[in-house]
């Protein structure tokens, strides 16, 4: 049972990270937790996140949560994945600890039965977009994901930044994410096989790993690249460590994100914060990132799904027009700072927490 004591040092917020791999969900949790720790007593539960305090085990977190934080009727457990919802429900409903559960939902499609039930048991749900809010109950607020615009910032010298990555060529065109059909890795490769012969000095980088059944998919992509004679210009370095990602993006001139489906997708705004324009498919929150086509603050181009040929043509046109590229690069940084900073996300999440605490 819960301890009736209030402790000045007790955590107000427990942020769970129960996936050992560093994913897009991990990246957003890390950025938010780093900001929350400035104003709240926070604890990370599970696996480490870059830039965050060392985590505690699940068992330790459950023991800590028996004590209410000073000035609060309960602590908040912020969860983002099914196993994390299950752990928090165990804490609240089985151990009867003084906790409330907040879930962040980014999916823009109907959840399967088990996560739907889990989500229905949350005390509050935060959706990352209006579209995502339509698929879950109990939405308290729509709070878009943000990025650390100090960590992700333009390089003083983009050419030098690219040289420092160790990749060949004069500059990079980047895509980031798991290598699998849903992420459109094959569309990126097809676009690059069309574009690179017209972009001397450009090198395409696929930053991500193939897992399980997707290894055969990766092997086919590599075979296509070899058959096109582009092994030295379309590179598959595997997963790039989180701490190396800002430096890689700073050296690139373009980020492409061509998934067939994406719930939200944070890598385009990370690139934008580095002053890198984007070319993206019509999914996730990408259209809102890029801004209105032809607008003064347009940061990129949005294409229909499955349009590898259009992506190739757009890349060649943009990278062959230095003035237009510079305009989109400046707008990309400005939009990231103004609309998609992690500070805005932290403030939106804090409003949800405060609403729960005010209810007592």
Protein backbone atom coordinates (compact mmCIF):
# COMPACT_ATOMS: atom_id res chain seq x y z
CA UNK A 1 0.00 0.00 0.00
CA UNK A 2 1.03 3.61 -0.45
CA UNK A 3 2.99 5.42 2.19
CA UNK A 4 1.11 8.38 3.72
CA UNK A 5 4.31 10.40 4.11
CA UNK A 6 5.14 13.36 1.85
CA UNK A 7 8.81 13.69 0.98
CA UNK A 8 10.47 16.87 -0.29
CA UNK A 9 12.84 14.71 -2.32
CA UNK A 10 10.26 12.32 -3.76
CA UNK A 11 9.90 12.33 -7.53
CA UNK A 12 6.99 14.19 -9.04
CA UNK A 13 7.33 12.60 -12.48
CA UNK A 14 8.49 9.14 -13.54
CA UNK A 15 9.40 8.87 -17.24
CA UNK A 16 9.54 5.30 -18.48
CA UNK A 17 11.81 4.02 -21.25
CA UNK A 18 11.49 0.26 -21.47
CA UNK A 19 12.87 -0.21 -24.99
CA UNK A 20 16.62 -0.96 -25.08
CA UNK A 21 16.90 0.42 -28.62
CA UNK A 22 17.09 4.16 -29.26
CA UNK A 23 14.04 4.92 -31.40
CA UNK A 24 12.12 8.02 -32.39
CA UNK A 25 10.03 7.56 -29.25
CA UNK A 26 13.24 7.43 -27.21
CA UNK A 27 14.51 10.62 -28.83
CA UNK A 28 11.37 12.57 -27.98
CA UNK A 29 11.30 11.22 -24.43
CA UNK A 30 14.94 12.20 -23.92
CA UNK A 31 14.46 15.74 -25.19
CA UNK A 32 11.39 16.28 -23.02
CA UNK A 33 12.89 14.75 -19.89
CA UNK A 34 15.99 16.93 -20.16
CA UNK A 35 13.74 20.00 -20.14
CA UNK A 36 11.39 18.75 -17.43
CA UNK A 37 14.25 18.12 -15.06
CA UNK A 38 14.84 21.86 -14.71
CA UNK A 39 11.51 22.46 -12.97
CA UNK A 40 10.31 19.09 -11.69
CA UNK A 41 11.79 16.27 -9.64
CA UNK A 42 12.02 13.57 -12.29
CA UNK A 43 13.13 9.95 -12.44
CA UNK A 44 13.96 7.93 -15.55
CA UNK A 45 12.83 4.30 -15.35
CA UNK A 46 14.30 1.51 -17.46
CA UNK A 47 17.00 2.09 -20.07
CA UNK A 48 19.33 5.12 -20.34
CA UNK A 49 18.57 8.13 -22.51
CA UNK A 50 21.22 10.57 -23.76
CA UNK A 51 21.47 13.79 -21.79
CA UNK A 52 19.29 12.43 -18.97
CA UNK A 53 20.02 11.26 -15.42
CA UNK A 54 20.93 7.63 -14.89
CA UNK A 55 17.81 5.45 -14.82
CA UNK A 56 16.47 3.34 -11.98
CA UNK A 57 15.09 -0.16 -12.35
CA UNK A 58 11.39 -0.88 -12.50
CA UNK A 59 11.52 -2.44 -9.04
CA UNK A 60 13.26 0.61 -7.61
CA UNK A 61 10.75 2.97 -9.24
CA UNK A 62 7.83 1.06 -7.75
CA UNK A 63 9.44 1.28 -4.32
CA UNK A 64 10.11 5.00 -4.70
CA UNK A 65 6.56 5.74 -5.86
CA UNK A 66 5.12 4.54 -2.55
CA UNK A 67 5.99 7.96 -1.11
CA UNK A 68 3.99 10.94 -2.29
CA UNK A 69 5.97 13.99 -3.42
CA UNK A 70 5.68 17.03 -1.16
CA UNK A 71 2.78 19.26 -2.17
CA UNK A 72 1.27 16.62 -4.46
CA UNK A 73 -1.43 14.02 -3.91
CA UNK A 74 0.35 11.71 -6.34
CA UNK A 75 3.25 11.41 -8.74
CA UNK A 76 2.78 11.17 -12.49
CA UNK A 77 4.03 8.30 -14.63
CA UNK A 78 4.50 9.42 -18.23
CA UNK A 79 4.39 6.46 -20.60
CA UNK A 80 4.70 6.08 -24.37
CA UNK A 81 4.63 2.33 -25.14
CA UNK A 82 2.47 -0.68 -24.29
CA UNK A 83 4.85 -2.25 -21.71
CA UNK A 84 5.17 1.14 -20.03
CA UNK A 85 1.40 1.48 -19.75
CA UNK A 86 1.27 -2.02 -18.26
CA UNK A 87 3.91 -1.19 -15.64
CA UNK A 88 2.15 2.02 -14.65
CA UNK A 89 -1.21 0.28 -14.40
CA UNK A 90 0.41 -2.33 -12.15
CA UNK A 91 1.69 0.48 -9.93
CA UNK A 92 -1.66 2.27 -9.77
CA UNK A 93 -4.23 -0.52 -9.83
CA UNK A 94 -2.48 -3.55 -8.32
CA UNK A 95 -0.04 -2.02 -5.84
CA UNK A 96 -2.46 0.91 -5.31
CA UNK A 97 0.36 3.43 -5.32
CA UNK A 98 -0.39 7.17 -5.40
CA UNK A 99 0.26 7.66 -9.11
CA UNK A 100 -1.60 8.94 -12.15
CA UNK A 101 -0.73 7.92 -15.70
CA UNK A 102 -0.21 10.15 -18.75
CA UNK A 103 0.18 8.55 -22.17
CA UNK A 104 1.52 10.26 -25.30
CA UNK A 105 -0.05 8.98 -28.52
CA UNK A 106 1.34 9.73 -31.99
CA UNK A 107 -0.33 7.00 -34.07
CA UNK A 108 -2.57 8.21 -36.87
CA UNK A 109 -4.43 4.93 -37.25
CA UNK A 110 -6.65 2.72 -35.13
CA UNK A 111 -4.79 0.88 -32.40
CA UNK A 112 -5.24 -2.87 -32.02
CA UNK A 113 -7.42 -4.24 -29.22
CA UNK A 114 -4.82 -4.55 -26.45
CA UNK A 115 -3.35 -1.02 -26.67
CA UNK A 116 -6.89 0.37 -27.06
CA UNK A 117 -7.79 -1.17 -23.72
CA UNK A 118 -4.59 0.06 -22.10
CA UNK A 119 -5.14 3.60 -23.38
CA UNK A 120 -8.70 3.58 -22.07
CA UNK A 121 -7.25 3.14 -18.56
CA UNK A 122 -5.01 6.20 -18.70
CA UNK A 123 -5.71 9.24 -16.53
CA UNK A 124 -4.84 11.59 -19.38
CA UNK A 125 -3.79 11.25 -23.00
CA UNK A 126 -1.65 13.71 -24.93
CA UNK A 127 -1.88 13.49 -28.72
CA UNK A 128 0.93 14.81 -30.85
CA UNK A 129 -1.39 15.94 -33.67
CA UNK A 130 -5.08 16.62 -34.23
CA UNK A 131 -5.14 13.58 -36.52
CA UNK A 132 -3.72 11.35 -33.76
CA UNK A 133 -6.28 12.74 -31.29
CA UNK A 134 -9.06 11.27 -33.41
CA UNK A 135 -7.91 7.72 -32.69
CA UNK A 136 -7.69 7.73 -28.87
CA UNK A 137 -10.04 8.55 -26.00
CA UNK A 138 -9.31 10.86 -23.09
CA UNK A 139 -7.21 13.42 -24.97
CA UNK A 140 -6.43 16.34 -22.68
CA UNK A 141 -4.22 18.27 -25.09
CA UNK A 142 -2.60 18.20 -28.51
CA UNK A 143 1.11 18.85 -28.02
CA UNK A 144 3.42 18.41 -31.03
CA UNK A 145 6.81 16.85 -30.42
CA UNK A 146 9.71 19.28 -30.36
CA UNK A 147 13.48 19.18 -30.67
CA UNK A 148 16.36 20.65 -28.73
CA UNK A 149 17.17 23.59 -30.99
CA UNK A 150 20.43 24.25 -29.16
CA UNK A 151 21.72 20.72 -29.64
CA UNK A 152 20.40 20.60 -33.20
CA UNK A 153 21.71 23.85 -34.69
CA UNK A 154 23.27 24.90 -38.01
CA UNK A 155 26.99 24.36 -38.54
CA UNK A 156 29.17 27.42 -38.94
CA UNK A 157 30.71 25.70 -41.97
CA UNK A 158 28.54 23.00 -43.56
CA UNK A 159 31.34 21.70 -45.80
CA UNK A 160 33.69 21.30 -42.84
CA UNK A 161 30.92 19.62 -40.86
CA UNK A 162 30.40 17.10 -43.64
CA UNK A 163 34.12 16.40 -43.91
CA UNK A 164 34.19 15.75 -40.16
CA UNK A 165 31.63 12.94 -40.51
CA UNK A 166 34.20 10.82 -42.35
CA UNK A 167 31.85 10.09 -45.24
CA UNK A 168 33.11 10.66 -48.78
CA UNK A 169 31.87 13.32 -51.19
CA UNK A 170 31.29 17.03 -50.82
CA UNK A 171 27.95 16.88 -49.01
CA UNK A 172 25.26 14.49 -47.87
CA UNK A 173 21.63 13.69 -48.56
CA UNK A 174 20.28 11.87 -45.53
CA UNK A 175 17.43 9.62 -44.52
CA UNK A 176 17.08 8.35 -40.95
CA UNK A 177 15.09 5.45 -39.55
CA UNK A 178 14.59 1.71 -39.44
CA UNK A 179 15.31 0.06 -42.76
CA UNK A 180 11.99 -1.48 -43.75
CA UNK A 181 9.27 -1.03 -46.37
CA UNK A 182 6.97 1.01 -44.12
CA UNK A 183 9.73 3.60 -43.69
CA UNK A 184 10.15 3.89 -47.47
CA UNK A 185 13.85 3.07 -47.47
CA UNK A 186 13.45 1.57 -50.94
CA UNK A 187 11.84 4.81 -52.18
CA UNK A 188 14.82 6.81 -50.93
CA UNK A 189 17.23 4.44 -52.66
CA UNK A 190 15.24 4.63 -55.90
CA UNK A 191 15.20 8.43 -55.71
CA UNK A 192 18.93 8.56 -55.11
CA UNK A 193 19.71 6.20 -57.98
CA UNK A 194 17.88 8.66 -60.24
CA UNK A 195 19.28 11.85 -58.68
CA UNK A 196 22.94 11.20 -57.88
CA UNK A 197 24.16 10.98 -61.50
CA UNK A 198 23.01 14.61 -61.83
CA UNK A 199 24.43 15.75 -58.48
CA UNK A 200 28.22 15.52 -58.61
CA UNK A 201 29.76 15.46 -55.16
CA UNK A 202 26.59 14.28 -53.40
CA UNK A 203 26.55 11.17 -51.24
CA UNK A 204 23.36 9.55 -49.94
CA UNK A 205 23.36 8.09 -46.42
CA UNK A 206 20.79 5.65 -45.04
CA UNK A 207 21.19 6.01 -41.25
CA UNK A 208 19.37 3.08 -39.72
CA UNK A 209 19.38 -0.64 -39.15
CA UNK A 210 17.43 -3.56 -40.55
CA UNK A 211 15.99 -5.90 -37.97
CA UNK A 212 14.76 -9.47 -38.24
CA UNK A 213 12.83 -10.10 -41.43
CA UNK A 214 13.95 -6.79 -42.93
CA UNK A 215 17.53 -7.97 -43.43
CA UNK A 216 16.55 -9.55 -46.77
CA UNK A 217 14.95 -6.23 -47.76
CA UNK A 218 18.24 -4.45 -47.00
CA UNK A 219 20.20 -7.06 -48.98
CA UNK A 220 17.99 -6.42 -52.02
CA UNK A 221 18.53 -2.66 -51.73
CA UNK A 222 22.30 -3.11 -51.56
CA UNK A 223 22.18 -5.37 -54.61
CA UNK A 224 20.23 -2.72 -56.55
CA UNK A 225 22.76 -0.07 -55.56
CA UNK A 226 25.65 -2.31 -56.64
CA UNK A 227 23.97 -3.05 -59.96
CA UNK A 228 23.67 0.70 -60.55
CA UNK A 229 27.37 1.16 -59.79
CA UNK A 230 26.63 3.47 -56.84
CA UNK A 231 28.10 1.53 -53.90
CA UNK A 232 30.41 4.42 -53.06
CA UNK A 233 27.65 7.03 -53.20
CA UNK A 234 24.66 5.34 -51.48
CA UNK A 235 25.92 4.25 -48.10
CA UNK A 236 24.40 2.03 -45.39
CA UNK A 237 26.43 2.74 -42.24
CA UNK A 238 23.84 1.19 -39.91
CA UNK A 239 22.31 2.89 -36.92
CA UNK A 240 23.96 6.20 -36.02
CA UNK A 241 24.37 6.80 -32.29
CA UNK A 242 22.13 9.52 -30.87
CA UNK A 243 25.07 11.64 -29.78
CA UNK A 244 26.43 11.66 -33.38
CA UNK A 245 23.18 12.59 -35.08
CA UNK A 246 23.39 16.41 -34.75
CA UNK A 247 26.86 16.46 -36.32
CA UNK A 248 25.71 14.24 -39.19
CA UNK A 249 22.70 16.43 -39.91
CA UNK A 250 24.75 19.62 -39.73
CA UNK A 251 26.90 18.41 -42.62
CA UNK A 252 24.00 17.51 -44.89
CA UNK A 253 22.28 19.72 -47.42
CA UNK A 254 19.03 17.79 -47.55
CA UNK A 255 17.00 15.33 -45.49
CA UNK A 256 14.52 13.01 -47.16
CA UNK A 257 11.73 11.23 -45.30
CA UNK A 258 9.61 9.10 -47.63
CA UNK A 259 7.73 6.66 -45.39
CA UNK A 260 4.53 5.02 -46.50
CA UNK A 261 3.17 5.64 -42.99
CA UNK A 262 4.43 7.71 -40.09
CA UNK A 263 2.65 8.62 -36.88
CA UNK A 264 4.61 11.83 -36.36
CA UNK A 265 8.28 11.64 -37.37
CA UNK A 266 10.83 13.76 -35.54
CA UNK A 267 13.90 13.51 -37.80
CA UNK A 268 12.67 16.16 -40.27
CA UNK A 269 12.43 18.79 -37.55
CA UNK A 270 15.81 17.78 -36.17
CA UNK A 271 17.22 18.43 -39.63
CA UNK A 272 15.28 21.68 -39.94
CA UNK A 273 16.75 22.88 -36.65
CA UNK A 274 20.17 22.30 -38.26
CA UNK A 275 19.17 24.51 -41.18
CA UNK A 276 18.59 21.55 -43.50
CA UNK A 277 15.58 21.63 -45.87
CA UNK A 278 13.39 18.55 -46.13
CA UNK A 279 11.68 16.55 -48.87
CA UNK A 280 9.01 14.35 -47.33
CA UNK A 281 6.00 12.23 -48.17
CA UNK A 282 2.43 13.17 -47.31
CA UNK A 283 2.23 11.41 -43.96
CA UNK A 284 3.11 12.02 -40.32
CA UNK A 285 3.20 15.70 -39.35
CA UNK A 286 5.50 16.49 -42.27
CA UNK A 287 3.27 19.00 -44.07
CA UNK A 288 3.05 21.10 -40.91
CA UNK A 289 6.83 20.96 -40.55
CA UNK A 290 7.45 22.14 -44.11
CA UNK A 291 4.93 24.96 -44.17
CA UNK A 292 2.78 26.22 -47.02
CA UNK A 293 4.21 25.67 -50.49
CA UNK A 294 5.29 29.03 -51.86
CA UNK A 295 5.09 30.70 -48.47
CA UNK A 296 7.81 32.95 -47.13
CA UNK A 297 8.65 30.38 -44.47
CA UNK A 298 8.53 27.24 -46.60
CA UNK A 299 11.09 24.80 -45.23
CA UNK A 300 10.70 21.90 -47.61
CA UNK A 301 8.64 20.02 -50.15
CA UNK A 302 5.84 17.53 -49.53
CA UNK A 303 5.20 14.81 -52.13
CA UNK A 304 2.53 12.14 -52.61
CA UNK A 305 3.21 8.69 -51.19
CA UNK A 306 5.35 6.33 -53.26
CA UNK A 307 6.73 9.16 -55.45
CA UNK A 308 10.40 8.25 -55.75
CA UNK A 309 10.68 9.89 -59.15
CA UNK A 310 9.20 13.13 -57.83
CA UNK A 311 11.59 13.03 -54.88
CA UNK A 312 14.55 12.66 -57.24
CA UNK A 313 13.46 15.57 -59.41
CA UNK A 314 12.77 17.76 -56.38
CA UNK A 315 16.20 16.98 -54.92
CA UNK A 316 18.02 17.79 -58.15
CA UNK A 317 16.09 21.03 -58.62
CA UNK A 318 16.65 22.22 -55.05
CA UNK A 319 20.32 21.25 -54.79
CA UNK A 320 21.05 22.83 -58.18
CA UNK A 321 19.60 26.20 -57.08
CA UNK A 322 21.82 27.67 -54.33
CA UNK A 323 19.60 30.70 -53.73
CA UNK A 324 16.46 28.63 -53.27
CA UNK A 325 18.29 26.12 -51.09
CA UNK A 326 19.58 28.94 -48.87
CA UNK A 327 16.07 30.38 -48.51
CA UNK A 328 14.56 27.03 -47.50
CA UNK A 329 17.47 26.34 -45.14
CA UNK A 330 16.94 29.64 -43.32
CA UNK A 331 13.19 29.04 -43.14
CA UNK A 332 13.77 25.51 -41.84
CA UNK A 333 15.75 26.79 -38.87
CA UNK A 334 13.27 29.58 -38.18
CA UNK A 335 10.24 27.26 -38.24
CA UNK A 336 11.92 24.69 -36.01
CA UNK A 337 12.77 27.32 -33.40
CA UNK A 338 9.41 29.11 -33.57
CA UNK A 339 7.03 26.17 -33.80
CA UNK A 340 8.77 22.92 -32.85
CA UNK A 341 11.18 23.58 -30.00
CA UNK A 342 11.21 21.13 -27.12
CA UNK A 343 10.49 24.04 -24.77
CA UNK A 344 7.03 24.36 -26.35
CA UNK A 345 6.45 20.64 -25.91
CA UNK A 346 7.59 20.69 -22.29
CA UNK A 347 5.24 23.59 -21.53
CA UNK A 348 2.28 21.82 -23.15
CA UNK A 349 2.94 18.63 -21.21
CA UNK A 350 3.37 20.54 -17.96
CA UNK A 351 -0.08 22.08 -18.41
CA UNK A 352 -1.56 18.56 -18.52
CA UNK A 353 0.34 17.55 -15.38
CA UNK A 354 -0.80 20.68 -13.56
CA UNK A 355 -4.40 19.98 -14.56
CA UNK A 356 -4.19 16.50 -13.02
CA UNK A 357 -2.53 17.76 -9.84
CA UNK A 358 -5.17 20.49 -9.49
CA UNK A 359 -7.88 17.81 -9.48
CA UNK A 360 -6.20 16.21 -6.47
